[in-house]
Amino acid sequence: MRKKNDDIKALFEEIEKKHFSISINNERPIFVQPEDRILYRSHRILLILFFLRAKTGLSKEVVACVDFLLRNSSFQRDFVVQYFKEDKNVVKKYELFSNVSNFNEQDKNIVQYKSVPWDIRFNDMFLYLYVRDLIIFVGSEKNRRVKISEFGLEYAKKLESIFPKESNFLDLFGKRIIEDRTIKIITEVIPNSYWKENEELNY
């Protein structure tokens, strides 16, 4: 119990470092997209940790990068090509991906800022999963990593049918993903190759 309290305190400290404050909005929207809900987003993060369940856990940055790909499926094809380009089974991997994916038009007008694509609600999502004993945190305070719990493993088996497209994509990588390569492709290769980076608009 003490360790859980320490981890929760660490999450709150991370939120406070960013100078965020809690606000309450009494105006309920007419309709909220399901993918915008913390419940939906948190379960998709759990799905990532279920498929890519490294023994040492995953860094929050890698979780953010993979979540970015699940939210922006039009970049999945580019990621697969770049990630597996040195793999002798690259053609097979690409064929598997092509068979299970719908190709969406890419937005070529995205501007990239040199950072991991981080959702300001990620810490809220991690807290949501943590207090329900679905994930645990491992490693030192400076190198905190997130890992699916034993209870989370059983729970997450039900998510594959809820997120079939995401599950098919994650299944391409086996049980682990190379973190440095993943972060580099998301923060450098794809932006430099496919996005208009810091381009000035001319009117």
N, C-alpha and C. Protein backbone atom coordinates (compact mmCIF):
# COMPACT_ATOMS: atom_id res chain seq x y z
N MET A 1 0.83 -1.21 0.00
CA MET A 1 0.00 0.00 0.00
C MET A 1 0.86 1.25 0.00
N ARG A 2 1.97 1.20 0.76
CA ARG A 2 2.83 2.37 0.82
C ARG A 2 3.45 2.68 -0.53
N LYS A 3 3.87 1.62 -1.27
CA LYS A 3 4.46 1.83 -2.58
C LYS A 3 3.45 2.45 -3.53
N LYS A 4 2.19 1.99 -3.48
CA LYS A 4 1.16 2.55 -4.34
C LYS A 4 0.96 4.03 -4.02
N ASN A 5 0.94 4.37 -2.74
CA ASN A 5 0.79 5.78 -2.36
C ASN A 5 1.94 6.62 -2.88
N ASP A 6 3.18 6.05 -2.83
CA ASP A 6 4.35 6.77 -3.33
C ASP A 6 4.23 7.00 -4.84
N ASP A 7 3.73 5.99 -5.56
CA ASP A 7 3.59 6.12 -7.01
C ASP A 7 2.52 7.14 -7.37
N ILE A 8 1.41 7.13 -6.62
CA ILE A 8 0.35 8.11 -6.86
C ILE A 8 0.87 9.52 -6.60
N LYS A 9 1.66 9.66 -5.51
CA LYS A 9 2.25 10.95 -5.19
C LYS A 9 3.17 11.41 -6.31
N ALA A 10 3.94 10.46 -6.89
CA ALA A 10 4.85 10.80 -7.99
C ALA A 10 4.07 11.30 -9.21
N LEU A 11 2.92 10.69 -9.47
CA LEU A 11 2.11 11.13 -10.60
C LEU A 11 1.59 12.55 -10.38
N PHE A 12 1.11 12.82 -9.16
CA PHE A 12 0.63 14.17 -8.86
C PHE A 12 1.76 15.20 -8.97
N GLU A 13 2.97 14.82 -8.54
CA GLU A 13 4.10 15.73 -8.64
C GLU A 13 4.44 16.06 -10.09
N GLU A 14 4.31 15.05 -10.96
CA GLU A 14 4.55 15.28 -12.38
C GLU A 14 3.55 16.27 -12.94
N ILE A 15 2.28 16.13 -12.52
CA ILE A 15 1.24 17.06 -12.97
C ILE A 15 1.52 18.47 -12.46
N GLU A 16 1.94 18.58 -11.19
CA GLU A 16 2.22 19.89 -10.60
C GLU A 16 3.42 20.57 -11.26
N LYS A 17 4.41 19.78 -11.69
CA LYS A 17 5.59 20.35 -12.35
C LYS A 17 5.21 21.09 -13.62
N LYS A 18 4.14 20.63 -14.26
CA LYS A 18 3.70 21.25 -15.51
C LYS A 18 2.76 22.43 -15.24
N HIS A 19 2.56 22.73 -13.95
CA HIS A 19 1.73 23.87 -13.53
C HIS A 19 0.28 23.73 -14.02
N PHE A 20 -0.22 22.49 -14.06
CA PHE A 20 -1.61 22.29 -14.41
C PHE A 20 -2.48 22.51 -13.19
N SER A 21 -3.70 22.88 -13.40
CA SER A 21 -4.63 23.05 -12.29
C SER A 21 -5.93 22.32 -12.63
N ILE A 22 -6.63 21.90 -11.58
CA ILE A 22 -7.88 21.18 -11.77
C ILE A 22 -9.00 22.17 -12.02
N SER A 23 -9.80 21.92 -13.02
CA SER A 23 -10.95 22.79 -13.30
C SER A 23 -12.18 21.91 -13.53
N ILE A 24 -13.33 22.44 -13.20
CA ILE A 24 -14.59 21.71 -13.35
C ILE A 24 -15.47 22.47 -14.33
N ASN A 25 -15.91 21.75 -15.36
CA ASN A 25 -16.78 22.35 -16.36
C ASN A 25 -18.19 21.79 -16.18
N ASN A 26 -19.11 22.66 -15.80
CA ASN A 26 -20.49 22.22 -15.57
C ASN A 26 -21.32 22.12 -16.84
N GLU A 27 -20.77 22.59 -17.94
CA GLU A 27 -21.49 22.53 -19.21
C GLU A 27 -21.21 21.19 -19.88
N ARG A 28 -22.19 20.35 -19.96
CA ARG A 28 -22.01 19.04 -20.57
C ARG A 28 -22.16 19.15 -22.08
N PRO A 29 -21.25 18.59 -22.84
CA PRO A 29 -21.36 18.67 -24.30
C PRO A 29 -22.55 17.86 -24.80
N ILE A 30 -23.04 18.22 -25.97
CA ILE A 30 -24.17 17.50 -26.55
C ILE A 30 -23.74 16.07 -26.89
N PHE A 31 -22.54 15.92 -27.45
CA PHE A 31 -22.03 14.60 -27.79
C PHE A 31 -20.52 14.58 -27.65
N VAL A 32 -20.02 13.53 -27.02
CA VAL A 32 -18.58 13.37 -26.85
C VAL A 32 -18.13 12.14 -27.63
N GLN A 33 -17.15 12.29 -28.49
CA GLN A 33 -16.64 11.15 -29.21
C GLN A 33 -16.09 10.13 -28.23
N PRO A 34 -16.38 8.84 -28.41
CA PRO A 34 -15.91 7.83 -27.44
C PRO A 34 -14.39 7.82 -27.30
N GLU A 35 -13.66 8.11 -28.40
CA GLU A 35 -12.20 8.09 -28.31
C GLU A 35 -11.64 9.25 -27.51
N ASP A 36 -12.48 10.21 -27.15
CA ASP A 36 -12.04 11.34 -26.34
C ASP A 36 -12.19 11.06 -24.84
N ARG A 37 -12.85 10.01 -24.49
CA ARG A 37 -13.09 9.71 -23.09
C ARG A 37 -11.87 9.04 -22.45
N ILE A 38 -11.62 9.40 -21.20
CA ILE A 38 -10.50 8.81 -20.47
C ILE A 38 -10.65 7.29 -20.40
N LEU A 39 -11.87 6.80 -20.22
CA LEU A 39 -12.12 5.36 -20.14
C LEU A 39 -11.63 4.66 -21.41
N TYR A 40 -12.00 5.21 -22.55
CA TYR A 40 -11.62 4.62 -23.84
C TYR A 40 -10.11 4.69 -24.04
N ARG A 41 -9.55 5.87 -23.82
CA ARG A 41 -8.12 6.07 -24.05
C ARG A 41 -7.27 5.23 -23.11
N SER A 42 -7.71 5.10 -21.86
CA SER A 42 -6.96 4.32 -20.88
C SER A 42 -6.92 2.84 -21.27
N HIS A 43 -8.03 2.33 -21.76
CA HIS A 43 -8.06 0.93 -22.16
C HIS A 43 -7.20 0.69 -23.40
N ARG A 44 -7.09 1.67 -24.24
CA ARG A 44 -6.21 1.50 -25.41
C ARG A 44 -4.74 1.49 -24.98
N ILE A 45 -4.39 2.26 -23.96
CA ILE A 45 -3.03 2.21 -23.41
C ILE A 45 -2.77 0.84 -22.79
N LEU A 46 -3.78 0.31 -22.09
CA LEU A 46 -3.63 -1.02 -21.51
C LEU A 46 -3.41 -2.06 -22.61
N LEU A 47 -4.07 -1.88 -23.74
CA LEU A 47 -3.89 -2.79 -24.87
C LEU A 47 -2.45 -2.75 -25.37
N ILE A 48 -1.86 -1.56 -25.42
CA ILE A 48 -0.45 -1.42 -25.82
C ILE A 48 0.44 -2.20 -24.87
N LEU A 49 0.22 -2.04 -23.58
CA LEU A 49 1.04 -2.73 -22.58
C LEU A 49 0.80 -4.23 -22.59
N PHE A 50 -0.37 -4.65 -23.02
CA PHE A 50 -0.67 -6.08 -23.11
C PHE A 50 0.11 -6.72 -24.26
N PHE A 51 0.12 -6.08 -25.42
CA PHE A 51 0.81 -6.66 -26.57
C PHE A 51 2.32 -6.51 -26.46
N LEU A 52 2.78 -5.36 -25.98
CA LEU A 52 4.22 -5.10 -25.93
C LEU A 52 4.70 -5.23 -24.48
N ARG A 53 4.49 -6.40 -23.90
CA ARG A 53 4.74 -6.56 -22.47
C ARG A 53 6.18 -7.01 -22.19
N ALA A 54 7.10 -6.07 -22.32
CA ALA A 54 8.50 -6.33 -22.00
C ALA A 54 8.64 -6.57 -20.49
N LYS A 55 9.60 -7.41 -20.11
CA LYS A 55 9.79 -7.73 -18.70
C LYS A 55 10.14 -6.50 -17.88
N THR A 56 10.84 -5.56 -18.51
CA THR A 56 11.24 -4.33 -17.80
C THR A 56 10.23 -3.21 -17.96
N GLY A 57 9.09 -3.51 -18.59
CA GLY A 57 8.09 -2.47 -18.81
C GLY A 57 8.45 -1.58 -19.98
N LEU A 58 7.64 -0.55 -20.21
CA LEU A 58 7.86 0.40 -21.29
C LEU A 58 8.00 1.80 -20.70
N SER A 59 8.79 2.63 -21.36
CA SER A 59 8.87 4.02 -20.96
C SER A 59 7.58 4.72 -21.36
N LYS A 60 7.26 5.79 -20.63
CA LYS A 60 6.05 6.55 -20.98
C LYS A 60 6.16 7.13 -22.38
N GLU A 61 7.40 7.47 -22.79
CA GLU A 61 7.60 8.06 -24.11
C GLU A 61 7.23 7.09 -25.22
N VAL A 62 7.61 5.82 -25.05
CA VAL A 62 7.27 4.82 -26.07
C VAL A 62 5.77 4.58 -26.11
N VAL A 63 5.14 4.53 -24.95
CA VAL A 63 3.69 4.38 -24.89
C VAL A 63 3.03 5.53 -25.65
N ALA A 64 3.55 6.74 -25.47
CA ALA A 64 3.00 7.91 -26.15
C ALA A 64 3.16 7.79 -27.66
N CYS A 65 4.31 7.29 -28.12
CA CYS A 65 4.56 7.14 -29.55
C CYS A 65 3.63 6.11 -30.17
N VAL A 66 3.46 4.97 -29.50
CA VAL A 66 2.59 3.92 -30.04
C VAL A 66 1.13 4.38 -30.01
N ASP A 67 0.75 5.08 -28.95
CA ASP A 67 -0.61 5.61 -28.87
C ASP A 67 -0.86 6.60 -30.00
N PHE A 68 0.16 7.39 -30.33
CA PHE A 68 0.05 8.33 -31.46
C PHE A 68 -0.27 7.58 -32.75
N LEU A 69 0.40 6.44 -32.96
CA LEU A 69 0.16 5.65 -34.17
C LEU A 69 -1.24 5.06 -34.19
N LEU A 70 -1.74 4.65 -33.04
CA LEU A 70 -3.08 4.08 -32.99
C LEU A 70 -4.14 5.16 -33.23
N ARG A 71 -3.84 6.37 -32.80
CA ARG A 71 -4.78 7.49 -33.01
C ARG A 71 -4.70 8.04 -34.43
N ASN A 72 -3.54 7.90 -35.06
CA ASN A 72 -3.32 8.44 -36.41
C ASN A 72 -2.91 7.30 -37.33
N SER A 73 -3.88 6.48 -37.70
CA SER A 73 -3.59 5.26 -38.45
C SER A 73 -2.98 5.52 -39.82
N SER A 74 -3.14 6.73 -40.35
CA SER A 74 -2.58 7.02 -41.67
C SER A 74 -1.06 6.96 -41.67
N PHE A 75 -0.43 7.04 -40.49
CA PHE A 75 1.04 6.98 -40.40
C PHE A 75 1.55 5.58 -40.06
N GLN A 76 0.66 4.64 -39.86
CA GLN A 76 1.08 3.29 -39.50
C GLN A 76 1.87 2.63 -40.63
N ARG A 77 1.45 2.84 -41.86
CA ARG A 77 2.14 2.23 -43.00
C ARG A 77 3.58 2.71 -43.07
N ASP A 78 3.78 4.02 -42.91
CA ASP A 78 5.13 4.59 -42.95
C ASP A 78 5.98 4.04 -41.81
N PHE A 79 5.36 3.90 -40.64
CA PHE A 79 6.09 3.38 -39.49
C PHE A 79 6.53 1.95 -39.72
N VAL A 80 5.63 1.11 -40.24
CA VAL A 80 5.95 -0.30 -40.49
C VAL A 80 7.11 -0.42 -41.47
N VAL A 81 7.08 0.37 -42.53
CA VAL A 81 8.15 0.33 -43.53
C VAL A 81 9.48 0.73 -42.90
N GLN A 82 9.49 1.80 -42.11
CA GLN A 82 10.73 2.27 -41.51
C GLN A 82 11.22 1.33 -40.41
N TYR A 83 10.32 0.81 -39.62
CA TYR A 83 10.69 -0.03 -38.47
C TYR A 83 11.31 -1.35 -38.92
N PHE A 84 10.74 -1.95 -39.96
CA PHE A 84 11.17 -3.27 -40.39
C PHE A 84 12.10 -3.25 -41.61
N LYS A 85 12.62 -2.09 -41.99
CA LYS A 85 13.39 -2.02 -43.23
C LYS A 85 14.67 -2.84 -43.18
N GLU A 86 15.23 -3.11 -41.99
CA GLU A 86 16.43 -3.94 -41.87
C GLU A 86 16.08 -5.40 -41.57
N ASP A 87 14.80 -5.69 -41.48
CA ASP A 87 14.35 -7.04 -41.14
C ASP A 87 14.21 -7.88 -42.41
N LYS A 88 14.74 -9.09 -42.39
CA LYS A 88 14.65 -9.95 -43.57
C LYS A 88 13.20 -10.35 -43.88
N ASN A 89 12.34 -10.21 -42.89
CA ASN A 89 10.93 -10.54 -43.10
C ASN A 89 10.08 -9.30 -43.35
N VAL A 90 10.73 -8.22 -43.80
CA VAL A 90 10.01 -6.96 -43.96
C VAL A 90 8.84 -7.08 -44.94
N VAL A 91 9.03 -7.83 -46.04
CA VAL A 91 7.96 -7.97 -47.02
C VAL A 91 6.77 -8.69 -46.41
N LYS A 92 7.05 -9.74 -45.63
CA LYS A 92 5.98 -10.49 -44.98
C LYS A 92 5.24 -9.61 -43.98
N LYS A 93 6.00 -8.84 -43.20
CA LYS A 93 5.39 -7.94 -42.22
C LYS A 93 4.49 -6.92 -42.92
N TYR A 94 4.98 -6.39 -44.03
CA TYR A 94 4.21 -5.36 -44.74
C TYR A 94 2.95 -5.96 -45.34
N GLU A 95 3.05 -7.19 -45.86
CA GLU A 95 1.87 -7.85 -46.42
C GLU A 95 0.82 -8.11 -45.34
N LEU A 96 1.29 -8.54 -44.16
CA LEU A 96 0.37 -8.75 -43.04
C LEU A 96 -0.35 -7.46 -42.68
N PHE A 97 0.43 -6.38 -42.63
CA PHE A 97 -0.15 -5.09 -42.28
C PHE A 97 -1.16 -4.64 -43.34
N SER A 98 -0.81 -4.80 -44.62
CA SER A 98 -1.68 -4.37 -45.71
C SER A 98 -2.99 -5.12 -45.72
N ASN A 99 -2.95 -6.38 -45.30
CA ASN A 99 -4.15 -7.21 -45.32
C ASN A 99 -5.14 -6.84 -44.23
N VAL A 100 -4.66 -6.24 -43.14
CA VAL A 100 -5.56 -5.97 -42.01
C VAL A 100 -5.86 -4.48 -41.83
N SER A 101 -5.31 -3.64 -42.70
CA SER A 101 -5.44 -2.20 -42.48
C SER A 101 -6.21 -1.51 -43.59
N ASN A 102 -6.86 -0.45 -43.20
CA ASN A 102 -7.49 0.44 -44.17
C ASN A 102 -6.59 1.65 -44.35
N PHE A 103 -6.22 1.94 -45.58
CA PHE A 103 -5.31 3.06 -45.82
C PHE A 103 -6.10 4.36 -45.87
N ASN A 104 -5.75 5.25 -44.98
CA ASN A 104 -6.41 6.55 -44.92
C ASN A 104 -5.51 7.61 -45.55
N GLU A 105 -6.15 8.63 -46.04
CA GLU A 105 -5.37 9.74 -46.63
C GLU A 105 -4.58 10.43 -45.53
N GLN A 106 -3.31 10.72 -45.81
CA GLN A 106 -2.47 11.39 -44.83
C GLN A 106 -2.66 12.90 -44.91
N ASP A 107 -2.63 13.52 -43.77
CA ASP A 107 -2.66 14.97 -43.69
C ASP A 107 -1.24 15.48 -43.84
N LYS A 108 -0.94 16.09 -44.98
CA LYS A 108 0.43 16.56 -45.25
C LYS A 108 0.70 17.94 -44.66
N ASN A 109 -0.26 18.50 -43.96
CA ASN A 109 -0.09 19.85 -43.44
C ASN A 109 0.17 19.87 -41.94
N ILE A 110 0.52 18.72 -41.38
CA ILE A 110 0.83 18.66 -39.95
C ILE A 110 2.18 19.33 -39.69
N VAL A 111 2.25 20.13 -38.65
CA VAL A 111 3.51 20.76 -38.25
C VAL A 111 4.06 20.00 -37.07
N GLN A 112 5.33 19.58 -37.16
CA GLN A 112 5.96 18.81 -36.09
C GLN A 112 6.84 19.69 -35.21
N TYR A 113 6.67 19.56 -33.92
CA TYR A 113 7.57 20.19 -32.97
C TYR A 113 8.44 19.09 -32.38
N LYS A 114 9.72 19.37 -32.17
CA LYS A 114 10.68 18.34 -31.78
C LYS A 114 10.42 17.80 -30.37
N SER A 115 9.43 16.95 -30.26
CA SER A 115 9.15 16.32 -28.97
C SER A 115 8.29 15.10 -29.22
N VAL A 116 8.24 14.23 -28.22
CA VAL A 116 7.36 13.07 -28.30
C VAL A 116 5.92 13.55 -28.29
N PRO A 117 5.05 12.96 -29.10
CA PRO A 117 3.64 13.39 -29.11
C PRO A 117 2.95 13.02 -27.81
N TRP A 118 2.90 13.94 -26.90
CA TRP A 118 2.43 13.69 -25.53
C TRP A 118 1.06 14.31 -25.31
N ASP A 119 0.12 13.50 -24.88
CA ASP A 119 -1.22 13.97 -24.54
C ASP A 119 -1.19 14.46 -23.09
N ILE A 120 -1.70 15.64 -22.82
CA ILE A 120 -1.63 16.19 -21.47
C ILE A 120 -2.45 15.36 -20.47
N ARG A 121 -3.26 14.43 -20.97
CA ARG A 121 -4.06 13.59 -20.07
C ARG A 121 -3.41 12.24 -19.79
N PHE A 122 -2.21 12.01 -20.31
CA PHE A 122 -1.58 10.70 -20.12
C PHE A 122 -1.43 10.34 -18.65
N ASN A 123 -0.98 11.27 -17.83
CA ASN A 123 -0.82 10.96 -16.41
C ASN A 123 -2.16 10.61 -15.76
N ASP A 124 -3.22 11.25 -16.22
CA ASP A 124 -4.56 10.89 -15.72
C ASP A 124 -4.91 9.46 -16.11
N MET A 125 -4.54 9.08 -17.34
CA MET A 125 -4.84 7.73 -17.81
C MET A 125 -4.04 6.69 -17.05
N PHE A 126 -2.76 6.99 -16.81
CA PHE A 126 -1.94 6.06 -16.04
C PHE A 126 -2.50 5.91 -14.62
N LEU A 127 -2.94 7.02 -14.05
CA LEU A 127 -3.53 6.96 -12.71
C LEU A 127 -4.81 6.14 -12.71
N TYR A 128 -5.63 6.32 -13.74
CA TYR A 128 -6.87 5.55 -13.89
C TYR A 128 -6.58 4.05 -13.87
N LEU A 129 -5.56 3.65 -14.62
CA LEU A 129 -5.21 2.22 -14.70
C LEU A 129 -4.54 1.73 -13.41
N TYR A 130 -3.74 2.60 -12.80
CA TYR A 130 -2.97 2.20 -11.63
C TYR A 130 -3.85 1.95 -10.40
N VAL A 131 -4.80 2.83 -10.16
CA VAL A 131 -5.66 2.66 -8.98
C VAL A 131 -6.58 1.45 -9.11
N ARG A 132 -6.71 0.93 -10.33
CA ARG A 132 -7.51 -0.27 -10.56
C ARG A 132 -6.64 -1.52 -10.64
N ASP A 133 -5.35 -1.36 -10.28
CA ASP A 133 -4.40 -2.48 -10.23
C ASP A 133 -4.20 -3.14 -11.59
N LEU A 134 -4.38 -2.38 -12.67
CA LEU A 134 -4.18 -2.91 -14.01
C LEU A 134 -2.74 -2.74 -14.50
N ILE A 135 -2.02 -1.78 -13.91
CA ILE A 135 -0.62 -1.55 -14.26
C ILE A 135 0.19 -1.36 -12.99
N ILE A 136 1.50 -1.51 -13.11
CA ILE A 136 2.43 -1.20 -12.02
C ILE A 136 3.55 -0.36 -12.58
N PHE A 137 4.26 0.34 -11.71
CA PHE A 137 5.42 1.12 -12.13
C PHE A 137 6.68 0.44 -11.60
N VAL A 138 7.68 0.35 -12.44
CA VAL A 138 8.94 -0.29 -12.07
C VAL A 138 10.09 0.64 -12.39
N GLY A 139 11.26 0.34 -11.84
CA GLY A 139 12.44 1.16 -12.11
C GLY A 139 12.61 2.27 -11.09
N SER A 140 13.69 3.03 -11.27
CA SER A 140 13.99 4.13 -10.36
C SER A 140 13.10 5.32 -10.63
N GLU A 141 13.13 6.29 -9.74
CA GLU A 141 12.29 7.48 -9.89
C GLU A 141 12.65 8.25 -11.16
N LYS A 142 13.94 8.25 -11.51
CA LYS A 142 14.38 8.99 -12.71
C LYS A 142 14.11 8.20 -13.99
N ASN A 143 13.93 6.91 -13.84
CA ASN A 143 13.69 6.06 -15.01
C ASN A 143 12.47 5.19 -14.76
N ARG A 144 11.36 5.85 -14.43
CA ARG A 144 10.12 5.13 -14.11
C ARG A 144 9.52 4.54 -15.38
N ARG A 145 9.18 3.26 -15.32
CA ARG A 145 8.61 2.56 -16.45
C ARG A 145 7.28 1.95 -16.05
N VAL A 146 6.43 1.74 -17.03
CA VAL A 146 5.10 1.23 -16.74
C VAL A 146 4.97 -0.18 -17.31
N LYS A 147 4.27 -1.03 -16.56
CA LYS A 147 4.16 -2.44 -16.92
C LYS A 147 2.76 -2.94 -16.58
N ILE A 148 2.24 -3.81 -17.40
CA ILE A 148 0.92 -4.37 -17.11
C ILE A 148 1.03 -5.35 -15.95
N SER A 149 0.04 -5.35 -15.07
CA SER A 149 0.06 -6.23 -13.90
C SER A 149 -0.50 -7.60 -14.26
N GLU A 150 -0.38 -8.56 -13.34
CA GLU A 150 -0.94 -9.89 -13.57
C GLU A 150 -2.45 -9.81 -13.74
N PHE A 151 -3.08 -8.99 -12.92
CA PHE A 151 -4.52 -8.79 -13.04
C PHE A 151 -4.85 -8.12 -14.37
N GLY A 152 -4.00 -7.17 -14.77
CA GLY A 152 -4.19 -6.47 -16.04
C GLY A 152 -4.10 -7.40 -17.23
N LEU A 153 -3.20 -8.40 -17.15
CA LEU A 153 -3.04 -9.37 -18.24
C LEU A 153 -4.35 -10.13 -18.50
N GLU A 154 -4.98 -10.59 -17.43
CA GLU A 154 -6.23 -11.31 -17.58
C GLU A 154 -7.34 -10.40 -18.09
N TYR A 155 -7.36 -9.21 -17.54
CA TYR A 155 -8.39 -8.23 -17.92
C TYR A 155 -8.26 -7.82 -19.38
N ALA A 156 -7.01 -7.62 -19.83
CA ALA A 156 -6.77 -7.08 -21.17
C ALA A 156 -7.08 -8.07 -22.28
N LYS A 157 -7.18 -9.35 -21.96
CA LYS A 157 -7.51 -10.35 -22.99
C LYS A 157 -8.86 -10.06 -23.64
N LYS A 158 -9.72 -9.39 -22.89
CA LYS A 158 -11.06 -9.07 -23.40
C LYS A 158 -11.03 -7.89 -24.37
N LEU A 159 -9.92 -7.15 -24.38
CA LEU A 159 -9.86 -5.93 -25.17
C LEU A 159 -9.59 -6.17 -26.66
N GLU A 160 -9.05 -7.34 -27.00
CA GLU A 160 -8.69 -7.60 -28.39
C GLU A 160 -9.91 -7.52 -29.31
N SER A 161 -11.06 -7.99 -28.84
CA SER A 161 -12.26 -7.94 -29.66
C SER A 161 -12.86 -6.53 -29.73
N ILE A 162 -12.52 -5.71 -28.73
CA ILE A 162 -13.02 -4.33 -28.71
C ILE A 162 -12.17 -3.44 -29.61
N PHE A 163 -10.87 -3.73 -29.70
CA PHE A 163 -9.95 -2.96 -30.52
C PHE A 163 -9.30 -3.87 -31.57
N PRO A 164 -10.06 -4.38 -32.54
CA PRO A 164 -9.50 -5.35 -33.50
C PRO A 164 -8.41 -4.77 -34.40
N LYS A 165 -8.61 -3.56 -34.91
CA LYS A 165 -7.61 -2.95 -35.80
C LYS A 165 -6.33 -2.65 -35.04
N GLU A 166 -6.48 -2.09 -33.84
CA GLU A 166 -5.31 -1.78 -33.03
C GLU A 166 -4.55 -3.05 -32.66
N SER A 167 -5.31 -4.11 -32.34
CA SER A 167 -4.69 -5.38 -31.96
C SER A 167 -3.90 -5.98 -33.12
N ASN A 168 -4.45 -5.92 -34.33
CA ASN A 168 -3.75 -6.45 -35.50
C ASN A 168 -2.45 -5.69 -35.75
N PHE A 169 -2.49 -4.38 -35.56
CA PHE A 169 -1.28 -3.58 -35.77
C PHE A 169 -0.22 -3.92 -34.72
N LEU A 170 -0.61 -3.97 -33.46
CA LEU A 170 0.34 -4.24 -32.37
C LEU A 170 0.92 -5.65 -32.47
N ASP A 171 0.14 -6.56 -33.00
CA ASP A 171 0.58 -7.95 -33.10
C ASP A 171 1.77 -8.11 -34.06
N LEU A 172 1.98 -7.14 -34.95
CA LEU A 172 3.10 -7.20 -35.88
C LEU A 172 4.45 -7.20 -35.17
N PHE A 173 4.50 -6.65 -33.96
CA PHE A 173 5.78 -6.43 -33.28
C PHE A 173 6.13 -7.53 -32.27
N GLY A 174 5.32 -8.58 -32.23
CA GLY A 174 5.60 -9.63 -31.25
C GLY A 174 5.33 -9.13 -29.85
N LYS A 175 6.17 -9.54 -28.90
CA LYS A 175 5.95 -9.17 -27.51
C LYS A 175 6.85 -8.01 -27.06
N ARG A 176 7.63 -7.47 -27.96
CA ARG A 176 8.49 -6.35 -27.56
C ARG A 176 8.68 -5.42 -28.74
N ILE A 177 9.04 -4.19 -28.42
CA ILE A 177 9.30 -3.19 -29.45
C ILE A 177 10.60 -2.49 -29.11
N ILE A 178 11.40 -2.19 -30.13
CA ILE A 178 12.68 -1.53 -29.90
C ILE A 178 12.42 -0.05 -29.64
N GLU A 179 12.67 0.37 -28.41
CA GLU A 179 12.22 1.70 -27.98
C GLU A 179 12.94 2.83 -28.71
N ASP A 180 14.27 2.76 -28.78
CA ASP A 180 15.02 3.85 -29.43
C ASP A 180 14.60 4.02 -30.89
N ARG A 181 14.43 2.91 -31.57
CA ARG A 181 14.03 2.97 -32.98
C ARG A 181 12.64 3.57 -33.12
N THR A 182 11.73 3.16 -32.24
CA THR A 182 10.36 3.66 -32.29
C THR A 182 10.31 5.17 -32.08
N ILE A 183 11.00 5.65 -31.05
CA ILE A 183 10.99 7.09 -30.76
C ILE A 183 11.62 7.88 -31.90
N LYS A 184 12.70 7.37 -32.46
CA LYS A 184 13.37 8.08 -33.56
C LYS A 184 12.47 8.19 -34.78
N ILE A 185 11.78 7.11 -35.12
CA ILE A 185 10.90 7.14 -36.30
C ILE A 185 9.77 8.14 -36.11
N ILE A 186 9.17 8.14 -34.90
CA ILE A 186 8.03 9.02 -34.65
C ILE A 186 8.45 10.49 -34.54
N THR A 187 9.59 10.75 -33.92
CA THR A 187 9.99 12.15 -33.67
C THR A 187 10.90 12.73 -34.73
N GLU A 188 11.53 11.88 -35.56
CA GLU A 188 12.47 12.39 -36.55
C GLU A 188 12.16 11.93 -37.98
N VAL A 189 12.11 10.63 -38.19
CA VAL A 189 12.00 10.11 -39.56
C VAL A 189 10.68 10.50 -40.21
N ILE A 190 9.57 10.19 -39.58
CA ILE A 190 8.27 10.52 -40.17
C ILE A 190 8.07 12.02 -40.31
N PRO A 191 8.37 12.83 -39.29
CA PRO A 191 8.21 14.29 -39.47
C PRO A 191 9.07 14.83 -40.61
N ASN A 192 10.32 14.41 -40.68
CA ASN A 192 11.22 14.93 -41.71
C ASN A 192 10.84 14.45 -43.10
N SER A 193 10.21 13.29 -43.18
CA SER A 193 9.89 12.69 -44.48
C SER A 193 8.50 13.04 -44.98
N TYR A 194 7.56 13.20 -44.04
CA TYR A 194 6.16 13.29 -44.47
C TYR A 194 5.44 14.55 -44.02
N TRP A 195 6.01 15.28 -43.06
CA TRP A 195 5.32 16.47 -42.56
C TRP A 195 6.01 17.73 -43.02
N LYS A 196 5.27 18.80 -43.02
CA LYS A 196 5.84 20.12 -43.27
C LYS A 196 6.28 20.67 -41.94
N GLU A 197 7.57 20.67 -41.70
CA GLU A 197 8.09 21.01 -40.38
C GLU A 197 8.37 22.51 -40.26
N ASN A 198 7.67 23.14 -39.32
CA ASN A 198 7.92 24.56 -39.04
C ASN A 198 7.88 25.43 -40.29
N GLU A 199 7.02 25.07 -41.21
CA GLU A 199 6.94 25.83 -42.45
C GLU A 199 6.14 27.10 -42.27
N GLU A 200 6.63 28.20 -42.83
CA GLU A 200 5.92 29.47 -42.73
C GLU A 200 4.78 29.48 -43.74
N LEU A 201 3.65 30.01 -43.31
CA LEU A 201 2.51 30.10 -44.21
C LEU A 201 2.59 31.38 -45.01
N ASN A 202 2.36 31.27 -46.28
CA ASN A 202 2.40 32.43 -47.19
C ASN A 202 0.99 32.74 -47.67
N TYR A 203 0.58 33.97 -47.44
CA TYR A 203 -0.75 34.38 -47.87
C TYR A 203 -0.62 35.45 -48.93
